[in-house]
Each structure stands twice: as structure tokens, then as C-alpha cells.
Amino acid sequence: MSNRTVWWDAGKVAMIDQRLLPLDYRIAVFGTVAEVVFAIRDMVVRGAPAIGATAAYGMVIAGQASTAEDAGDLVQDLRRAKVELDAARPTAVNLVWATARLLDAAERLAQTGATADVIRAALLAEAGQLADEDVAVNRRIAHIGAEIIPDHAHILHHCNTGSLATVDYGTALGIVRASHEAGKDIHVWVDETRPRLQGARLTAWELMADGIPMHLIADNAAGLLMRQGKVDVVLFGADRVAANGDVANKIGSYKLAVLARENGIPCYSVAPTSTIDLDLPDGDAIPIEERGPEEVTMVGDVRIAPVNVPVYNPAFDVTPHRYLTGIITEQGICYPPFTTSLRRAVHAAARA
């Protein structure tokens, strides 16, 4: 399956409503900054790259909603909108990266004497370019990452990193897709990814649409499969990568990386360089989002736990870099020492 997840539509940002999949395919449209914040926070849209593109369009909406006639006043309105958007989900660095890119573009134009309307038009062009670049970056990641996937490989994939998590094509799941398109005989173990079931609801849906052989498994089956020699490589995405290579990703990633190391299985995180945060020295500095208890106590509309049970629900965990074989980016595969290879990749992307 290859579809745009997020796009601009007549003055608003449109997106596939991922809360409803796989049973209901519906497009949601949002036209205010507050609505875009809701879409990100409530996971109408999810996945670091897709969140970044959505936030970029949120900045466009902020510019259009501003009544400022002066460029400086418009920039002030954009700064306020950035703060609001950035607070929607704290872990995914692509959100802050995207809003900063849009704000920087506006500030540079304002310094040249551009009018407010010129800046508004430029913001839309910049957001569209950011979205298009994401698709191109994903395809480069997929091409690079497919090289580490052997023929007849059994791949264990966590969460969802496909078209739905990006603007299109996908990161870790893009590697799976590219390997399949290249004619490799591959099979994917798709873990359900509690508590929001992104693997069961979204990854399984994408792989089945593409005709890629797969089996859905309970999260707790991963260790057994590894011990039985039925996993050749583990792939998952990233919501933020620290300078030393520690990776924040969907809760459960750390456990898989440790199991992979115990069983001698290569484990890769897959992320665009926009997800690398060189300002954070290590994973302990990454903010971890905590979400509501209903994600754990409910499955859909069905309660599975006692009423008022205490719940701890971190959305992400941090995988220490020592458990990763490599981090696959559009600038190549980063290997240890990550402090050197990640910085090199980020600088290469900036020059591209």
C-alpha cells in the first residue's frame, strides 16, 4: 500500500484517520491550529515523519489564520503557533524540526523585507517541499536498507513504520516493501504492538494490501521465535535518536533489541536524519510521553481491566545504542561509534 498519509487540500490539512483503521478508511480534514494539535495528540495522524509534515501544514494554517498585515507581526503569530504545535507530542523530534523549518523560512523572508502575504505563500510552498522530501528520503532509506535484508529472510517488525507513519512509502516498513519489490522471498513477523495495536491494525493492513507474506503475533511471542531461529533481523523505527545513538521508539522496542542481542540477531533502527537530535547527548535526556490509562484498560470500546485500576502508560522507551547493530538513514547505515557516524550523516543531509 502506498498512499499519501497527509496532504494539503483547499486551505486545510487532510489525512487518513488512523484511529479507525483497518475497519474504516476515512479522511479527516482540519483547518485550525487547535484542530491540528488535536489530530497529532489524539493520533489521528502518527509516526514521526507524518507528524512533522502535519505540523508543517499547521504552521501554514497559522499563517493564513493570522490577521497580521506586517511581516514582523505575522512572525510573532507563527512563533506562538509553533509553541502550541510543539506541545502536542513531546517525544517525536520531527514535530519540532518541522515547525522550526517553517518558522525559519518566515523569519528569513521577513528580514529581507518580504510582505506578510509573500511569507504566507512561501510557507505553503515550504510545507509542500518538506512533504515531498519525506517521500524521497523514505525511498532512499528503503534502497539502502534493503541491502541488509537477505533472501528468504524472516523479519520481525515492531509498531508501524509504513506509508501511514510517513508522508508515503515508509521507513523500516519501506525497507520491507523495497525488498519485496526487488523480488526477495521475505516474510514478516508483525507484532501487535500494545497498547494501541499499531502492528495489528496498521502494519498488517499495509502488508496484506501489498501481498507481502506475514503473520501477526502477540508481542510476547517474539522471544520464542528468536530462540527457535525463526527471526533473521529485527527492524523498528525511531521517534528521536540521541547523539550517542540511543533511540526512543514505540514502547517495546527496547525489549526486542535486548532479546535480539541475546539471540545473536541483528537489530536496526530506521530513521531519517531529521529524527536525529544531536543536541541531546543520550537517551536519558529524551522526554518520554505518557498517555491516558484508557489505552491500556480498553481495547476499542471494550474494558479489559477493573474500573479505576492504576495505570502507567509510557508511549515510548529508549533502546541504548549498544543493543543496535546500526541505524539506517537516507545518508547510509550508521554504525558504532554512533557519536561519529550520526553526526556525519546529519551534516551530509544538510549539504544535500
Protein backbone atom coordinates (compact mmCIF):
# COMPACT_ATOMS: atom_id res chain seq x y z
CA MET A 1 0.00 0.00 0.00
CA SER A 2 1.38 3.39 -0.99
CA ASN A 3 -0.81 6.39 -0.30
CA ARG A 4 -0.17 9.92 0.87
CA THR A 5 -0.99 9.99 4.55
CA VAL A 6 -1.02 13.78 4.88
CA TRP A 7 -1.69 16.41 2.21
CA TRP A 8 -2.89 19.98 1.63
CA ASP A 9 -6.49 20.34 0.50
CA ALA A 10 -8.04 23.72 -0.28
CA GLY A 11 -6.69 25.64 2.70
CA LYS A 12 -6.79 22.75 5.15
CA VAL A 13 -4.67 19.73 6.03
CA ALA A 14 -6.17 16.36 5.15
CA MET A 15 -5.08 13.00 6.46
CA ILE A 16 -6.06 9.36 6.76
CA ASP A 17 -7.74 8.91 10.15
CA GLN A 18 -5.56 6.15 11.59
CA ARG A 19 -7.73 5.69 14.67
CA LEU A 20 -10.33 3.92 12.54
CA LEU A 21 -8.16 1.53 10.53
CA PRO A 22 -8.32 -1.23 9.46
CA LEU A 23 -12.10 -1.45 9.65
CA ASP A 24 -12.92 2.03 8.36
CA TYR A 25 -10.93 4.07 5.83
CA ARG A 26 -11.86 7.72 6.30
CA ILE A 27 -10.26 11.08 5.50
CA ALA A 28 -10.19 13.76 8.23
CA VAL A 29 -9.72 17.44 7.41
CA PHE A 30 -8.54 20.13 9.84
CA GLY A 31 -8.48 23.88 9.32
CA THR A 32 -7.27 25.48 12.57
CA VAL A 33 -4.12 25.18 14.62
CA ALA A 34 -6.12 23.80 17.56
CA GLU A 35 -7.58 21.11 15.30
CA VAL A 36 -4.12 20.16 14.02
CA VAL A 37 -2.89 19.89 17.61
CA PHE A 38 -5.85 17.61 18.34
CA ALA A 39 -5.08 15.47 15.28
CA ILE A 40 -1.49 14.95 16.45
CA ARG A 41 -2.29 14.46 20.14
CA ASP A 42 -5.24 12.11 19.55
CA MET A 43 -3.24 10.13 16.98
CA VAL A 44 -5.47 10.78 14.03
CA VAL A 45 -2.02 11.03 12.47
CA ARG A 46 1.00 9.26 13.98
CA GLY A 47 4.56 8.33 13.09
CA ALA A 48 7.35 10.88 13.48
CA PRO A 49 7.69 11.87 9.78
CA ALA A 50 3.92 12.14 9.28
CA ILE A 51 3.60 14.20 12.45
CA GLY A 52 6.32 16.52 11.14
CA ALA A 53 4.53 17.07 7.84
CA THR A 54 1.25 17.65 9.65
CA ALA A 55 2.86 20.21 11.94
CA ALA A 56 4.38 22.00 8.94
CA TYR A 57 0.92 22.36 7.44
CA GLY A 58 -0.26 23.51 10.86
CA MET A 59 2.19 26.40 10.58
CA VAL A 60 0.74 27.22 7.16
CA ILE A 61 -2.72 27.29 8.70
CA ALA A 62 -1.42 29.57 11.46
CA GLY A 63 -0.09 31.97 8.86
CA GLN A 64 -3.35 32.02 6.96
CA ALA A 65 -5.38 32.50 10.14
CA SER A 66 -3.24 35.43 11.26
CA THR A 67 -4.74 38.85 10.56
CA ALA A 68 -1.30 40.46 10.63
CA GLU A 69 -0.57 42.81 7.76
CA ASP A 70 3.01 43.41 8.89
CA ALA A 71 5.61 40.68 8.36
CA GLY A 72 7.00 41.09 11.87
CA ASP A 73 3.57 40.66 13.43
CA LEU A 74 2.98 37.57 11.30
CA VAL A 75 6.24 36.05 12.53
CA GLN A 76 5.14 36.64 16.13
CA ASP A 77 1.88 34.81 15.43
CA LEU A 78 3.84 31.95 13.91
CA ARG A 79 6.07 31.74 16.96
CA ARG A 80 3.02 31.38 19.18
CA ALA A 81 1.59 28.70 16.90
CA LYS A 82 4.88 26.80 16.99
CA VAL A 83 4.76 26.61 20.80
CA GLU A 84 1.22 25.25 20.64
CA LEU A 85 2.05 22.68 17.97
CA ASP A 86 5.29 21.56 19.60
CA ALA A 87 3.47 20.70 22.82
CA ALA A 88 1.14 18.24 21.07
CA ARG A 89 3.55 15.29 21.45
CA PRO A 90 6.89 15.80 23.19
CA THR A 91 8.94 12.77 22.10
CA ALA A 92 8.84 12.91 18.28
CA VAL A 93 11.55 15.40 17.33
CA ASN A 94 10.30 15.66 13.73
CA LEU A 95 7.46 17.81 15.04
CA VAL A 96 9.80 20.46 16.47
CA TRP A 97 12.12 20.13 13.47
CA ALA A 98 9.29 20.80 11.01
CA THR A 99 7.83 23.79 12.84
CA ALA A 100 11.33 25.25 13.21
CA ARG A 101 11.94 24.87 9.48
CA LEU A 102 8.73 26.75 8.66
CA LEU A 103 9.41 29.46 11.23
CA ASP A 104 12.99 29.89 10.00
CA ALA A 105 11.72 30.34 6.45
CA ALA A 106 9.30 33.05 7.60
CA GLU A 107 11.94 34.84 9.66
CA ARG A 108 14.43 34.88 6.79
CA LEU A 109 11.86 36.37 4.42
CA ALA A 110 10.78 38.96 6.98
CA GLN A 111 14.40 40.09 7.29
CA THR A 112 14.53 40.68 3.53
CA GLY A 113 11.50 42.96 3.65
CA ALA A 114 9.00 40.48 2.21
CA THR A 115 5.34 41.21 2.79
CA ALA A 116 3.11 39.14 5.03
CA ASP A 117 1.29 37.71 2.01
CA VAL A 118 4.55 36.71 0.36
CA ILE A 119 5.53 34.91 3.55
CA ARG A 120 2.18 33.11 3.69
CA ALA A 121 2.64 31.82 0.14
CA ALA A 122 6.22 30.78 0.91
CA LEU A 123 5.09 28.81 3.97
CA LEU A 124 2.75 26.70 1.86
CA ALA A 125 5.49 26.04 -0.66
CA GLU A 126 7.94 25.10 2.11
CA ALA A 127 5.49 22.69 3.75
CA GLY A 128 4.79 21.06 0.39
CA GLN A 129 8.51 20.70 -0.25
CA LEU A 130 9.02 19.18 3.20
CA ALA A 131 6.32 16.60 2.46
CA ASP A 132 7.76 15.75 -0.96
CA GLU A 133 11.25 15.44 0.52
CA ASP A 134 9.95 12.96 3.06
CA VAL A 135 8.78 10.63 0.29
CA ALA A 136 12.14 10.89 -1.50
CA VAL A 137 14.03 10.32 1.76
CA ASN A 138 11.95 7.24 2.55
CA ARG A 139 12.73 5.72 -0.82
CA ARG A 140 16.45 6.32 -0.32
CA ILE A 141 16.27 4.73 3.12
CA ALA A 142 14.43 1.75 1.64
CA HIS A 143 17.02 1.29 -1.11
CA ILE A 144 19.91 1.45 1.38
CA GLY A 145 18.25 -0.72 3.99
CA ALA A 146 17.18 -3.43 1.54
CA GLU A 147 20.86 -4.31 1.17
CA ILE A 148 20.93 -5.80 4.68
CA ILE A 149 17.87 -7.99 4.08
CA PRO A 150 18.93 -11.43 2.81
CA ASP A 151 16.77 -13.50 0.52
CA HIS A 152 14.42 -15.83 2.45
CA ALA A 153 14.66 -13.53 5.49
CA HIS A 154 12.19 -13.62 8.35
CA ILE A 155 11.87 -10.02 9.57
CA LEU A 156 10.45 -9.05 12.95
CA HIS A 157 8.84 -5.62 12.71
CA HIS A 158 7.56 -3.52 15.60
CA CYS A 159 4.78 -0.91 15.55
CA ASN A 160 4.03 0.78 12.18
CA THR A 161 6.64 2.49 10.03
CA GLY A 162 4.99 2.31 6.63
CA SER A 163 3.17 4.80 4.45
CA LEU A 164 0.86 5.55 7.36
CA ALA A 165 3.74 6.66 9.59
CA THR A 166 5.28 8.90 6.95
CA VAL A 167 4.03 11.04 4.10
CA ASP A 168 4.37 7.98 1.87
CA TYR A 169 6.28 4.69 1.40
CA GLY A 170 7.72 4.26 4.91
CA THR A 171 10.99 3.85 6.77
CA ALA A 172 11.54 0.39 8.31
CA LEU A 173 8.47 -0.95 6.51
CA GLY A 174 9.73 0.83 3.40
CA ILE A 175 12.79 -1.46 3.59
CA VAL A 176 10.45 -4.44 3.73
CA ARG A 177 8.49 -3.07 0.79
CA ALA A 178 11.63 -2.39 -1.28
CA SER A 179 12.96 -5.89 -0.56
CA HIS A 180 9.69 -7.42 -1.72
CA GLU A 181 9.63 -5.24 -4.84
CA ALA A 182 13.18 -6.39 -5.61
CA GLY A 183 11.92 -9.97 -5.76
CA LYS A 184 13.33 -11.19 -2.46
CA ASP A 185 11.47 -14.04 -0.80
CA ILE A 186 10.77 -12.48 2.59
CA HIS A 187 8.35 -12.99 5.44
CA VAL A 188 7.40 -10.57 8.21
CA TRP A 189 6.51 -11.29 11.81
CA VAL A 190 4.22 -8.39 12.75
CA ASP A 191 3.91 -7.91 16.49
CA GLU A 192 0.62 -6.47 17.65
CA THR A 193 2.30 -3.53 19.46
CA ARG A 194 0.22 -2.99 22.56
CA PRO A 195 -1.41 -0.91 23.77
CA ARG A 196 -2.62 0.89 20.62
CA LEU A 197 -2.08 -2.12 18.35
CA GLN A 198 -0.35 -0.26 15.52
CA GLY A 199 1.14 -3.54 14.31
CA ALA A 200 -2.14 -5.42 14.31
CA ARG A 201 -4.26 -2.58 12.95
CA LEU A 202 -1.90 -0.74 10.58
CA THR A 203 1.20 -2.75 9.63
CA ALA A 204 -0.77 -5.92 8.96
CA TRP A 205 -3.19 -3.89 6.83
CA GLU A 206 -0.38 -2.37 4.77
CA LEU A 207 1.47 -5.66 4.24
CA MET A 208 -1.67 -7.52 3.25
CA ALA A 209 -2.52 -4.77 0.76
CA ASP A 210 0.94 -5.21 -0.78
CA GLY A 211 0.72 -9.01 -0.81
CA ILE A 212 3.82 -9.37 1.39
CA PRO A 213 3.88 -12.67 3.32
CA MET A 214 3.36 -12.06 7.04
CA HIS A 215 1.98 -13.41 10.27
CA LEU A 216 0.55 -11.35 13.11
CA ILE A 217 1.91 -12.36 16.51
CA ALA A 218 1.26 -11.42 20.11
CA ASP A 219 4.00 -9.15 21.44
CA ASN A 220 5.10 -11.84 23.90
CA ALA A 221 5.75 -14.37 21.11
CA ALA A 222 8.87 -12.54 19.88
CA GLY A 223 11.27 -14.20 22.29
CA LEU A 224 10.11 -17.69 21.41
CA LEU A 225 10.50 -17.04 17.68
CA MET A 226 14.01 -15.69 18.17
CA ARG A 227 15.06 -18.65 20.32
CA GLN A 228 13.66 -21.04 17.69
CA GLY A 229 15.82 -19.41 14.99
CA LYS A 230 12.80 -18.05 13.12
CA VAL A 231 13.92 -14.39 13.08
CA ASP A 232 16.80 -13.17 10.90
CA VAL A 233 16.62 -9.43 11.54
CA VAL A 234 14.67 -7.01 13.75
CA LEU A 235 13.54 -3.66 12.34
CA PHE A 236 11.84 -0.77 14.08
CA GLY A 237 11.64 2.98 13.57
CA ALA A 238 12.56 5.92 15.78
CA ASP A 239 10.85 8.97 17.18
CA ARG A 240 14.09 10.54 18.37
CA VAL A 241 17.74 9.49 18.14
CA ALA A 242 20.19 11.00 20.61
CA ALA A 243 23.73 11.97 19.63
CA ASN A 244 25.20 8.77 21.09
CA GLY A 245 22.77 6.52 19.18
CA ASP A 246 20.25 5.84 21.93
CA VAL A 247 16.84 5.53 20.25
CA ALA A 248 13.41 6.47 21.58
CA ASN A 249 10.74 4.46 19.83
CA LYS A 250 7.37 2.86 20.48
CA ILE A 251 7.22 1.10 23.84
CA GLY A 252 8.51 -2.44 23.50
CA SER A 253 11.42 -1.64 21.19
CA TYR A 254 13.98 -1.91 23.99
CA LYS A 255 12.77 -5.38 24.92
CA LEU A 256 13.10 -6.56 21.32
CA ALA A 257 16.62 -5.15 21.00
CA VAL A 258 17.74 -6.93 24.18
CA LEU A 259 16.20 -10.21 23.01
CA ALA A 260 17.85 -9.81 19.62
CA ARG A 261 21.27 -9.32 21.22
CA GLU A 262 20.75 -12.36 23.47
CA ASN A 263 19.93 -14.48 20.42
CA GLY A 264 22.62 -13.12 18.11
CA ILE A 265 20.16 -11.42 15.74
CA PRO A 266 20.96 -8.08 14.05
CA CYS A 267 18.69 -5.24 15.17
CA TYR A 268 18.36 -1.98 13.27
CA SER A 269 16.54 1.25 13.96
CA VAL A 270 15.44 3.06 10.81
CA ALA A 271 15.02 6.83 10.69
CA PRO A 272 15.55 9.88 8.51
CA THR A 273 18.27 12.25 9.64
CA SER A 274 15.53 14.71 10.67
CA THR A 275 14.85 12.34 13.59
CA ILE A 276 18.43 12.62 14.87
CA ASP A 277 18.75 15.13 17.71
CA LEU A 278 22.44 15.98 18.11
CA ASP A 279 21.57 18.43 20.89
CA LEU A 280 20.69 15.56 23.23
CA PRO A 281 23.77 13.67 24.44
CA ASP A 282 21.99 10.41 25.26
CA GLY A 283 18.64 8.74 25.65
CA ASP A 284 18.19 9.77 29.27
CA ALA A 285 17.61 13.31 28.01
CA ILE A 286 14.75 12.31 25.68
CA PRO A 287 11.32 13.29 27.03
CA ILE A 288 9.02 10.29 27.21
CA GLU A 289 5.34 10.92 26.60
CA GLU A 290 2.84 9.34 28.95
CA ARG A 291 -0.67 8.74 27.66
CA GLY A 292 -4.08 8.10 29.16
CA PRO A 293 -4.99 4.94 31.07
CA GLU A 294 -7.81 4.02 28.66
CA GLU A 295 -5.25 2.86 26.09
CA VAL A 296 -4.31 0.05 28.49
CA THR A 297 -7.62 -0.63 30.20
CA MET A 298 -9.68 -0.67 26.99
CA VAL A 299 -9.47 -2.42 23.62
CA GLY A 300 -11.67 -0.35 21.39
CA ASP A 301 -14.87 0.14 23.33
CA VAL A 302 -14.37 -2.96 25.48
CA ARG A 303 -12.99 -2.64 29.00
CA ILE A 304 -10.46 -5.36 29.89
CA ALA A 305 -9.33 -4.13 33.32
CA PRO A 306 -11.07 -3.21 36.58
CA VAL A 307 -12.59 0.25 36.83
CA ASN A 308 -10.22 2.75 38.47
CA VAL A 309 -7.21 0.42 38.25
CA PRO A 310 -3.95 2.43 38.49
CA VAL A 311 -2.19 2.57 35.10
CA TYR A 312 1.28 3.60 33.97
CA ASN A 313 1.31 4.11 30.20
CA PRO A 314 4.56 5.39 28.67
CA ALA A 315 4.20 5.67 24.90
CA PHE A 316 7.91 5.12 24.21
CA ASP A 317 11.01 3.52 25.63
CA VAL A 318 14.70 4.13 24.96
CA THR A 319 16.95 1.50 23.44
CA PRO A 320 20.58 2.04 24.48
CA HIS A 321 22.84 2.22 21.45
CA ARG A 322 24.85 -0.84 22.50
CA TYR A 323 21.91 -3.07 21.52
CA LEU A 324 21.71 -1.74 17.96
CA THR A 325 23.61 -3.21 15.04
CA GLY A 326 23.11 0.03 13.13
CA ILE A 327 20.81 2.96 12.42
CA ILE A 328 19.65 3.14 8.81
CA THR A 329 19.24 6.66 7.37
CA GLU A 330 18.94 8.21 3.91
CA GLN A 331 22.65 9.05 4.17
CA GLY A 332 23.64 5.43 4.69
CA ILE A 333 23.81 2.98 7.57
CA CYS A 334 25.32 4.47 10.72
CA TYR A 335 27.43 2.02 12.69
CA PRO A 336 29.21 2.42 16.04
CA PRO A 337 30.68 4.68 17.18
CA PHE A 338 27.37 6.45 16.66
CA THR A 339 28.66 9.75 18.01
CA THR A 340 30.74 9.98 14.84
CA SER A 341 28.54 8.28 12.25
CA LEU A 342 25.31 10.07 13.21
CA ARG A 343 26.95 13.48 13.13
CA ARG A 344 28.44 12.67 9.74
CA ALA A 345 25.01 11.65 8.42
CA VAL A 346 23.32 14.81 9.70
CA HIS A 347 25.98 17.03 8.17
CA ALA A 348 25.75 15.15 4.85
CA ALA A 349 21.99 15.65 4.81
CA ALA A 350 22.43 19.37 5.45
CA ARG A 351 24.74 19.65 2.42
CA ALA A 352 22.44 17.64 0.14
